[in-house]
């Protein structure tokens, strides 16, 4: 395997990881921001109040986006396995 192929493989792995993780992390970020604003407005500083809604939102986004997430991972794995004969 030449160095350029290794770099391309690493780039593709990083991009796939970012695409798969981004929706879940963005959902947690948005819910965390909204809960933080609500806590600042009401001055209720309970730690579980910020943790539970973020976890629920991330779980909902994961369950809704699961078909897309799995298809991205399967596509990446398929391309990876298909590229094995060319790298030998």
PDB file of N, CA and C in Angstrom:
ATOM      1  N   UNK A   1       0.853  -1.174   0.000  1.00  0.00           N
ATOM      2  CA  UNK A   1       0.000   0.000   0.000  1.00  0.00           C
ATOM      3  C   UNK A   1       0.900   1.238   0.000  1.00  0.00           C
ATOM      4  N   UNK A   2       0.643   2.118  -0.934  1.00  0.00           N
ATOM      5  CA  UNK A   2       1.443   3.333  -1.000  1.00  0.00           C
ATOM      6  C   UNK A   2       0.940   4.364   0.013  1.00  0.00           C
ATOM      7  N   UNK A   3       1.729   5.355   0.321  1.00  0.00           N
ATOM      8  CA  UNK A   3       1.346   6.344   1.340  1.00  0.00           C
ATOM      9  C   UNK A   3       0.077   7.118   0.983  1.00  0.00           C
ATOM     10  N   UNK A   4      -0.126   7.395  -0.284  1.00  0.00           N
ATOM     11  CA  UNK A   4      -1.315   8.141  -0.686  1.00  0.00           C
ATOM     12  C   UNK A   4      -2.585   7.332  -0.420  1.00  0.00           C
ATOM     13  N   UNK A   5      -2.530   6.033  -0.647  1.00  0.00           N
ATOM     14  CA  UNK A   5      -3.689   5.183  -0.373  1.00  0.00           C
ATOM     15  C   UNK A   5      -3.995   5.156   1.121  1.00  0.00           C
ATOM     16  N   UNK A   6      -2.962   5.123   1.950  1.00  0.00           N
ATOM     17  CA  UNK A   6      -3.169   5.149   3.400  1.00  0.00           C
ATOM     18  C   UNK A   6      -3.787   6.471   3.843  1.00  0.00           C
ATOM     19  N   UNK A   7      -3.336   7.561   3.251  1.00  0.00           N
ATOM     20  CA  UNK A   7      -3.893   8.873   3.582  1.00  0.00           C
ATOM     21  C   UNK A   7      -5.349   8.957   3.149  1.00  0.00           C
ATOM     22  N   UNK A   8      -5.659   8.461   1.958  1.00  0.00           N
ATOM     23  CA  UNK A   8      -7.039   8.476   1.479  1.00  0.00           C
ATOM     24  C   UNK A   8      -7.939   7.606   2.359  1.00  0.00           C
ATOM     25  N   UNK A   9      -7.442   6.476   2.763  1.00  0.00           N
ATOM     26  CA  UNK A   9      -8.209   5.572   3.626  1.00  0.00           C
ATOM     27  C   UNK A   9      -8.477   6.225   4.986  1.00  0.00           C
ATOM     28  N   UNK A  10      -7.475   6.886   5.531  1.00  0.00           N
ATOM     29  CA  UNK A  10      -7.643   7.573   6.808  1.00  0.00           C
ATOM     30  C   UNK A  10      -8.614   8.738   6.686  1.00  0.00           C
ATOM     31  N   UNK A  11      -8.509   9.496   5.596  1.00  0.00           N
ATOM     32  CA  UNK A  11      -9.423  10.612   5.366  1.00  0.00           C
ATOM     33  C   UNK A  11     -10.861  10.132   5.262  1.00  0.00           C
ATOM     34  N   UNK A  12     -11.068   9.050   4.537  1.00  0.00           N
ATOM     35  CA  UNK A  12     -12.412   8.503   4.377  1.00  0.00           C
ATOM     36  C   UNK A  12     -12.958   7.991   5.717  1.00  0.00           C
ATOM     37  N   UNK A  13     -12.107   7.391   6.534  1.00  0.00           N
ATOM     38  CA  UNK A  13     -12.538   6.911   7.851  1.00  0.00           C
ATOM     39  C   UNK A  13     -12.929   8.070   8.755  1.00  0.00           C
ATOM     40  N   UNK A  14     -12.153   9.146   8.730  1.00  0.00           N
ATOM     41  CA  UNK A  14     -12.458  10.306   9.563  1.00  0.00           C
ATOM     42  C   UNK A  14     -13.746  10.974   9.098  1.00  0.00           C
ATOM     43  N   UNK A  15     -13.925  11.114   7.804  1.00  0.00           N
ATOM     44  CA  UNK A  15     -15.152  11.736   7.289  1.00  0.00           C
ATOM     45  C   UNK A  15     -16.388  10.903   7.628  1.00  0.00           C
ATOM     46  N   UNK A  16     -16.274   9.590   7.514  1.00  0.00           N
ATOM     47  CA  UNK A  16     -17.396   8.724   7.856  1.00  0.00           C
ATOM     48  C   UNK A  16     -17.726   8.838   9.340  1.00  0.00           C
ATOM     49  N   UNK A  17     -16.698   8.887  10.181  1.00  0.00           N
ATOM     50  CA  UNK A  17     -16.913   9.034  11.618  1.00  0.00           C
ATOM     51  C   UNK A  17     -17.602  10.353  11.937  1.00  0.00           C
ATOM     52  N   UNK A  18     -17.159  11.424  11.315  1.00  0.00           N
ATOM     53  CA  UNK A  18     -17.782  12.725  11.554  1.00  0.00           C
ATOM     54  C   UNK A  18     -19.231  12.758  11.079  1.00  0.00           C
ATOM     55  N   UNK A  19     -19.495  12.169   9.923  1.00  0.00           N
ATOM     56  CA  UNK A  19     -20.867  12.160   9.409  1.00  0.00           C
ATOM     57  C   UNK A  19     -21.795  11.325  10.283  1.00  0.00           C
ATOM     58  N   UNK A  20     -21.297  10.240  10.831  1.00  0.00           N
ATOM     59  CA  UNK A  20     -22.141   9.373  11.654  1.00  0.00           C
ATOM     60  C   UNK A  20     -22.386  10.007  13.032  1.00  0.00           C
ATOM     61  N   UNK A  21     -21.382  10.663  13.583  1.00  0.00           N
ATOM     62  CA  UNK A  21     -21.501  11.233  14.933  1.00  0.00           C
ATOM     63  C   UNK A  21     -22.179  12.601  14.956  1.00  0.00           C
ATOM     64  N   UNK A  22     -22.100  13.350  13.885  1.00  0.00           N
ATOM     65  CA  UNK A  22     -22.566  14.736  13.878  1.00  0.00           C
ATOM     66  C   UNK A  22     -24.031  14.908  14.266  1.00  0.00           C
ATOM     67  N   UNK A  23     -24.986  14.148  13.716  1.00  0.00           N
ATOM     68  CA  UNK A  23     -26.386  14.394  14.089  1.00  0.00           C
ATOM     69  C   UNK A  23     -26.653  14.207  15.586  1.00  0.00           C
ATOM     70  N   UNK A  24     -26.053  13.198  16.167  1.00  0.00           N
ATOM     71  CA  UNK A  24     -26.266  12.928  17.593  1.00  0.00           C
ATOM     72  C   UNK A  24     -25.638  14.040  18.438  1.00  0.00           C
ATOM     73  N   UNK A  25     -24.440  14.455  18.086  1.00  0.00           N
ATOM     74  CA  UNK A  25     -23.772  15.506  18.845  1.00  0.00           C
ATOM     75  C   UNK A  25     -24.466  16.856  18.697  1.00  0.00           C
ATOM     76  N   UNK A  26     -24.976  17.153  17.510  1.00  0.00           N
ATOM     77  CA  UNK A  26     -25.691  18.407  17.298  1.00  0.00           C
ATOM     78  C   UNK A  26     -26.984  18.423  18.112  1.00  0.00           C
ATOM     79  N   UNK A  27     -27.682  17.304  18.168  1.00  0.00           N
ATOM     80  CA  UNK A  27     -28.902  17.229  18.977  1.00  0.00           C
ATOM     81  C   UNK A  27     -28.584  17.474  20.448  1.00  0.00           C
ATOM     82  N   UNK A  28     -27.533  16.866  20.953  1.00  0.00           N
ATOM     83  CA  UNK A  28     -27.128  17.091  22.339  1.00  0.00           C
ATOM     84  C   UNK A  28     -26.728  18.536  22.588  1.00  0.00           C
ATOM     85  N   UNK A  29     -26.056  19.140  21.622  1.00  0.00           N
ATOM     86  CA  UNK A  29     -25.639  20.532  21.743  1.00  0.00           C
ATOM     87  C   UNK A  29     -26.844  21.466  21.807  1.00  0.00           C
ATOM     88  N   UNK A  30     -27.805  21.272  20.920  1.00  0.00           N
ATOM     89  CA  UNK A  30     -28.985  22.139  20.881  1.00  0.00           C
ATOM     90  C   UNK A  30     -29.807  21.999  22.154  1.00  0.00           C
ATOM     91  N   UNK A  31     -30.058  20.767  22.574  1.00  0.00           N
ATOM     92  CA  UNK A  31     -30.836  20.558  23.796  1.00  0.00           C
ATOM     93  C   UNK A  31     -30.083  21.097  25.004  1.00  0.00           C
ATOM     94  N   UNK A  32     -28.777  20.900  25.049  1.00  0.00           N
ATOM     95  CA  UNK A  32     -27.988  21.432  26.154  1.00  0.00           C
ATOM     96  C   UNK A  32     -28.038  22.953  26.219  1.00  0.00           C
ATOM     97  N   UNK A  33     -28.000  23.594  25.063  1.00  0.00           N
ATOM     98  CA  UNK A  33     -28.090  25.047  25.014  1.00  0.00           C
ATOM     99  C   UNK A  33     -29.455  25.531  25.501  1.00  0.00           C
ATOM    100  N   UNK A  34     -30.516  24.870  25.044  1.00  0.00           N
ATOM    101  CA  UNK A  34     -31.865  25.255  25.467  1.00  0.00           C
ATOM    102  C   UNK A  34     -32.070  25.035  26.964  1.00  0.00           C
ATOM    103  N   UNK A  35     -31.607  23.923  27.476  1.00  0.00           N
ATOM    104  CA  UNK A  35     -31.739  23.653  28.908  1.00  0.00           C
ATOM    105  C   UNK A  35     -30.887  24.637  29.708  1.00  0.00           C
ATOM    106  N   UNK A  36     -29.711  24.962  29.208  1.00  0.00           N
ATOM    107  CA  UNK A  36     -28.865  25.945  29.881  1.00  0.00           C
ATOM    108  C   UNK A  36     -29.521  27.317  29.947  1.00  0.00           C
ATOM    109  N   UNK A  37     -30.156  27.716  28.853  1.00  0.00           N
ATOM    110  CA  UNK A  37     -30.881  28.995  28.860  1.00  0.00           C
ATOM    111  C   UNK A  37     -32.052  28.953  29.837  1.00  0.00           C
ATOM    112  N   UNK A  38     -32.754  27.836  29.863  1.00  0.00           N
ATOM    113  CA  UNK A  38     -33.876  27.680  30.793  1.00  0.00           C
ATOM    114  C   UNK A  38     -33.386  27.712  32.238  1.00  0.00           C
ATOM    115  N   UNK A  39     -32.274  27.051  32.511  1.00  0.00           N
ATOM    116  CA  UNK A  39     -31.724  27.065  33.866  1.00  0.00           C
ATOM    117  C   UNK A  39     -31.241  28.451  34.260  1.00  0.00           C
ATOM    118  N   UNK A  40     -30.674  29.182  33.332  1.00  0.00           N
ATOM    119  CA  UNK A  40     -30.212  30.537  33.634  1.00  0.00           C
ATOM    120  C   UNK A  40     -31.393  31.470  33.891  1.00  0.00           C
ATOM    121  N   UNK A  41     -32.479  31.258  33.143  1.00  0.00           N
ATOM    122  CA  UNK A  41     -33.653  32.115  33.319  1.00  0.00           C
ATOM    123  C   UNK A  41     -34.373  31.831  34.632  1.00  0.00           C
ATOM    124  N   UNK A  42     -34.414  30.566  35.036  1.00  0.00           N
ATOM    125  CA  UNK A  42     -35.146  30.197  36.249  1.00  0.00           C
ATOM    126  C   UNK A  42     -34.236  30.050  37.460  1.00  0.00           C
ATOM    127  N   UNK A  43     -32.936  30.100  37.275  1.00  0.00           N
ATOM    128  CA  UNK A  43     -31.930  29.946  38.320  1.00  0.00           C
ATOM    129  C   UNK A  43     -32.046  28.607  39.047  1.00  0.00           C
ATOM    130  N   UNK A  44     -32.476  27.591  38.313  1.00  0.00           N
ATOM    131  CA  UNK A  44     -32.501  26.228  38.839  1.00  0.00           C
ATOM    132  C   UNK A  44     -31.242  25.535  38.325  1.00  0.00           C
ATOM    133  N   UNK A  45     -30.343  25.194  39.207  1.00  0.00           N
ATOM    134  CA  UNK A  45     -29.052  24.632  38.796  1.00  0.00           C
ATOM    135  C   UNK A  45     -28.934  23.157  39.184  1.00  0.00           C
ATOM    136  N   UNK A  46     -29.890  22.381  38.809  1.00  0.00           N
ATOM    137  CA  UNK A  46     -29.865  20.940  39.078  1.00  0.00           C
ATOM    138  C   UNK A  46     -29.126  20.239  37.929  1.00  0.00           C
ATOM    139  N   UNK A  47     -28.115  19.431  38.254  1.00  0.00           N
ATOM    140  CA  UNK A  47     -27.295  18.781  37.231  1.00  0.00           C
ATOM    141  C   UNK A  47     -28.085  17.758  36.423  1.00  0.00           C
ATOM    142  N   UNK A  48     -28.980  17.023  37.069  1.00  0.00           N
ATOM    143  CA  UNK A  48     -29.737  16.004  36.338  1.00  0.00           C
ATOM    144  C   UNK A  48     -30.721  16.636  35.374  1.00  0.00           C
ATOM    145  N   UNK A  49     -31.105  17.878  35.628  1.00  0.00           N
ATOM    146  CA  UNK A  49     -32.030  18.562  34.732  1.00  0.00           C
ATOM    147  C   UNK A  49     -31.388  18.825  33.377  1.00  0.00           C
ATOM    148  N   UNK A  50     -30.081  18.982  33.332  1.00  0.00           N
ATOM    149  CA  UNK A  50     -29.418  19.195  32.040  1.00  0.00           C
ATOM    150  C   UNK A  50     -28.980  17.882  31.403  1.00  0.00           C
ATOM    151  N   UNK A  51     -28.733  16.865  32.205  1.00  0.00           N
ATOM    152  CA  UNK A  51     -28.214  15.600  31.680  1.00  0.00           C
ATOM    153  C   UNK A  51     -29.304  14.755  31.027  1.00  0.00           C
ATOM    154  N   UNK A  52     -30.433  14.608  31.685  1.00  0.00           N
ATOM    155  CA  UNK A  52     -31.489  13.707  31.201  1.00  0.00           C
ATOM    156  C   UNK A  52     -32.071  14.158  29.862  1.00  0.00           C
ATOM    157  N   UNK A  53     -32.439  15.427  29.669  1.00  0.00           N
ATOM    158  CA  UNK A  53     -32.974  15.815  28.352  1.00  0.00           C
ATOM    159  C   UNK A  53     -31.978  15.615  27.205  1.00  0.00           C
ATOM    160  N   UNK A  54     -30.694  15.864  27.473  1.00  0.00           N
ATOM    161  CA  UNK A  54     -29.689  15.649  26.423  1.00  0.00           C
ATOM    162  C   UNK A  54     -29.612  14.181  26.046  1.00  0.00           C
ATOM    163  N   UNK A  55     -29.628  13.315  27.038  1.00  0.00           N
ATOM    164  CA  UNK A  55     -29.561  11.880  26.757  1.00  0.00           C
ATOM    165  C   UNK A  55     -30.797  11.412  25.989  1.00  0.00           C
ATOM    166  N   UNK A  56     -31.959  11.913  26.368  1.00  0.00           N
ATOM    167  CA  UNK A  56     -33.189  11.531  25.669  1.00  0.00           C
ATOM    168  C   UNK A  56     -33.157  12.022  24.224  1.00  0.00           C
ATOM    169  N   UNK A  57     -32.735  13.263  24.016  1.00  0.00           N
ATOM    170  CA  UNK A  57     -32.665  13.803  22.651  1.00  0.00           C
ATOM    171  C   UNK A  57     -31.674  13.030  21.805  1.00  0.00           C
ATOM    172  N   UNK A  58     -30.537  12.687  22.375  1.00  0.00           N
ATOM    173  CA  UNK A  58     -29.535  11.935  21.619  1.00  0.00           C
ATOM    174  C   UNK A  58     -30.032  10.527  21.303  1.00  0.00           C
ATOM    175  N   UNK A  59     -30.751   9.921  22.223  1.00  0.00           N
ATOM    176  CA  UNK A  59     -31.325   8.600  21.979  1.00  0.00           C
ATOM    177  C   UNK A  59     -32.388   8.653  20.883  1.00  0.00           C
ATOM    178  N   UNK A  60     -33.212   9.698  20.904  1.00  0.00           N
ATOM    179  CA  UNK A  60     -34.256   9.845  19.869  1.00  0.00           C
ATOM    180  C   UNK A  60     -33.624  10.052  18.501  1.00  0.00           C
ATOM    181  N   UNK A  61     -32.618  10.914  18.425  1.00  0.00           N
ATOM    182  CA  UNK A  61     -31.960  11.158  17.134  1.00  0.00           C
ATOM    183  C   UNK A  61     -31.265   9.897  16.641  1.00  0.00           C
ATOM    184  N   UNK A  62     -30.655   9.159  17.546  1.00  0.00           N
ATOM    185  CA  UNK A  62     -29.997   7.909  17.146  1.00  0.00           C
ATOM    186  C   UNK A  62     -31.008   6.908  16.627  1.00  0.00           C
ATOM    187  N   UNK A  63     -32.129   6.767  17.316  1.00  0.00           N
ATOM    188  CA  UNK A  63     -33.121   5.783  16.876  1.00  0.00           C
ATOM    189  C   UNK A  63     -33.806   6.203  15.575  1.00  0.00           C
ATOM    190  N   UNK A  64     -34.029   7.485  15.386  1.00  0.00           N
ATOM    191  CA  UNK A  64     -34.645   7.945  14.136  1.00  0.00           C
ATOM    192  C   UNK A  64     -33.652   7.836  12.976  1.00  0.00           C
ATOM    193  N   UNK A  65     -32.397   8.184  13.225  1.00  0.00           N
ATOM    194  CA  UNK A  65     -31.407   8.179  12.157  1.00  0.00           C
ATOM    195  C   UNK A  65     -30.676   6.868  11.975  1.00  0.00           C
ATOM    196  N   UNK A  66     -31.068   5.835  12.699  1.00  0.00           N
ATOM    197  CA  UNK A  66     -30.349   4.563  12.633  1.00  0.00           C
ATOM    198  C   UNK A  66     -30.259   3.984  11.218  1.00  0.00           C
ATOM    199  N   UNK A  67     -31.322   3.988  10.418  1.00  0.00           N
ATOM    200  CA  UNK A  67     -31.165   3.444   9.058  1.00  0.00           C
ATOM    201  C   UNK A  67     -30.117   4.190   8.234  1.00  0.00           C
ATOM    202  N   UNK A  68     -30.089   5.505   8.349  1.00  0.00           N
ATOM    203  CA  UNK A  68     -29.097   6.288   7.613  1.00  0.00           C
ATOM    204  C   UNK A  68     -27.698   6.023   8.148  1.00  0.00           C
ATOM    205  N   UNK A  69     -27.562   5.954   9.480  1.00  0.00           N
ATOM    206  CA  UNK A  69     -26.257   5.705  10.084  1.00  0.00           C
ATOM    207  C   UNK A  69     -25.706   4.346   9.663  1.00  0.00           C
ATOM    208  N   UNK A  70     -26.550   3.336   9.691  1.00  0.00           N
ATOM    209  CA  UNK A  70     -26.110   1.992   9.315  1.00  0.00           C
ATOM    210  C   UNK A  70     -25.759   1.937   7.831  1.00  0.00           C
ATOM    211  N   UNK A  71     -26.542   2.610   6.993  1.00  0.00           N
ATOM    212  CA  UNK A  71     -26.236   2.584   5.558  1.00  0.00           C
ATOM    213  C   UNK A  71     -24.905   3.274   5.272  1.00  0.00           C
ATOM    214  N   UNK A  72     -24.585   4.358   5.990  1.00  0.00           N
ATOM    215  CA  UNK A  72     -23.281   5.019   5.812  1.00  0.00           C
ATOM    216  C   UNK A  72     -22.143   4.094   6.222  1.00  0.00           C
ATOM    217  N   UNK A  73     -22.313   3.402   7.346  1.00  0.00           N
ATOM    218  CA  UNK A  73     -21.267   2.503   7.817  1.00  0.00           C
ATOM    219  C   UNK A  73     -21.111   1.291   6.895  1.00  0.00           C
ATOM    220  N   UNK A  74     -22.223   0.764   6.395  1.00  0.00           N
ATOM    221  CA  UNK A  74     -22.156  -0.372   5.477  1.00  0.00           C
ATOM    222  C   UNK A  74     -21.493   0.045   4.166  1.00  0.00           C
ATOM    223  N   UNK A  75     -21.812   1.235   3.679  1.00  0.00           N
ATOM    224  CA  UNK A  75     -21.182   1.735   2.457  1.00  0.00           C
ATOM    225  C   UNK A  75     -19.682   1.889   2.651  1.00  0.00           C
ATOM    226  N   UNK A  76     -19.281   2.441   3.786  1.00  0.00           N
ATOM    227  CA  UNK A  76     -17.846   2.588   4.071  1.00  0.00           C
ATOM    228  C   UNK A  76     -17.161   1.228   4.131  1.00  0.00           C
ATOM    229  N   UNK A  77     -17.771   0.285   4.847  1.00  0.00           N
ATOM    230  CA  UNK A  77     -17.174  -1.044   4.971  1.00  0.00           C
ATOM    231  C   UNK A  77     -17.101  -1.747   3.617  1.00  0.00           C
ATOM    232  N   UNK A  78     -18.152  -1.604   2.806  1.00  0.00           N
ATOM    233  CA  UNK A  78     -18.173  -2.211   1.474  1.00  0.00           C
ATOM    234  C   UNK A  78     -17.046  -1.651   0.620  1.00  0.00           C
ATOM    235  N   UNK A  79     -16.883  -0.323   0.638  1.00  0.00           N
ATOM    236  CA  UNK A  79     -15.795   0.302  -0.131  1.00  0.00           C
ATOM    237  C   UNK A  79     -14.426  -0.138   0.391  1.00  0.00           C
ATOM    238  N   UNK A  80     -14.316  -0.300   1.696  1.00  0.00           N
ATOM    239  CA  UNK A  80     -13.065  -0.733   2.292  1.00  0.00           C
ATOM    240  C   UNK A  80     -12.705  -2.144   1.860  1.00  0.00           C
ATOM    241  N   UNK A  81     -13.684  -3.043   1.882  1.00  0.00           N
ATOM    242  CA  UNK A  81     -13.430  -4.439   1.495  1.00  0.00           C
ATOM    243  C   UNK A  81     -13.176  -4.537  -0.011  1.00  0.00           C
ATOM    244  N   UNK A  82     -13.887  -3.754  -0.796  1.00  0.00           N
ATOM    245  CA  UNK A  82     -13.678  -3.766  -2.245  1.00  0.00           C
ATOM    246  C   UNK A  82     -12.293  -3.257  -2.624  1.00  0.00           C
ATOM    247  N   UNK A  83     -11.692  -2.406  -1.788  1.00  0.00           N
ATOM    248  CA  UNK A  83     -10.389  -1.850  -2.082  1.00  0.00           C
ATOM    249  C   UNK A  83      -9.227  -2.739  -1.681  1.00  0.00           C
ATOM    250  N   UNK A  84      -9.506  -3.836  -0.974  1.00  0.00           N
ATOM    251  CA  UNK A  84      -8.439  -4.716  -0.515  1.00  0.00           C
ATOM    252  C   UNK A  84      -7.670  -5.342  -1.677  1.00  0.00           C
ATOM    253  N   UNK A  85      -8.331  -5.880  -2.709  1.00  0.00           N
ATOM    254  CA  UNK A  85      -7.538  -6.493  -3.802  1.00  0.00           C
ATOM    255  C   UNK A  85      -6.628  -5.486  -4.513  1.00  0.00           C
ATOM    256  N   UNK A  86      -7.046  -4.232  -4.598  1.00  0.00           N
ATOM    257  CA  UNK A  86      -6.229  -3.235  -5.274  1.00  0.00           C
ATOM    258  C   UNK A  86      -5.019  -2.800  -4.459  1.00  0.00           C
ATOM    259  N   UNK A  87      -5.066  -3.028  -3.152  1.00  0.00           N
ATOM    260  CA  UNK A  87      -3.961  -2.585  -2.307  1.00  0.00           C
ATOM    261  C   UNK A  87      -2.871  -3.636  -2.161  1.00  0.00           C
ATOM    262  N   UNK A  88      -3.112  -4.838  -2.653  1.00  0.00           N
ATOM    263  CA  UNK A  88      -2.105  -5.909  -2.518  1.00  0.00           C
ATOM    264  C   UNK A  88      -1.075  -5.863  -3.605  1.00  0.00           C
TER     265      UNK A  88
END
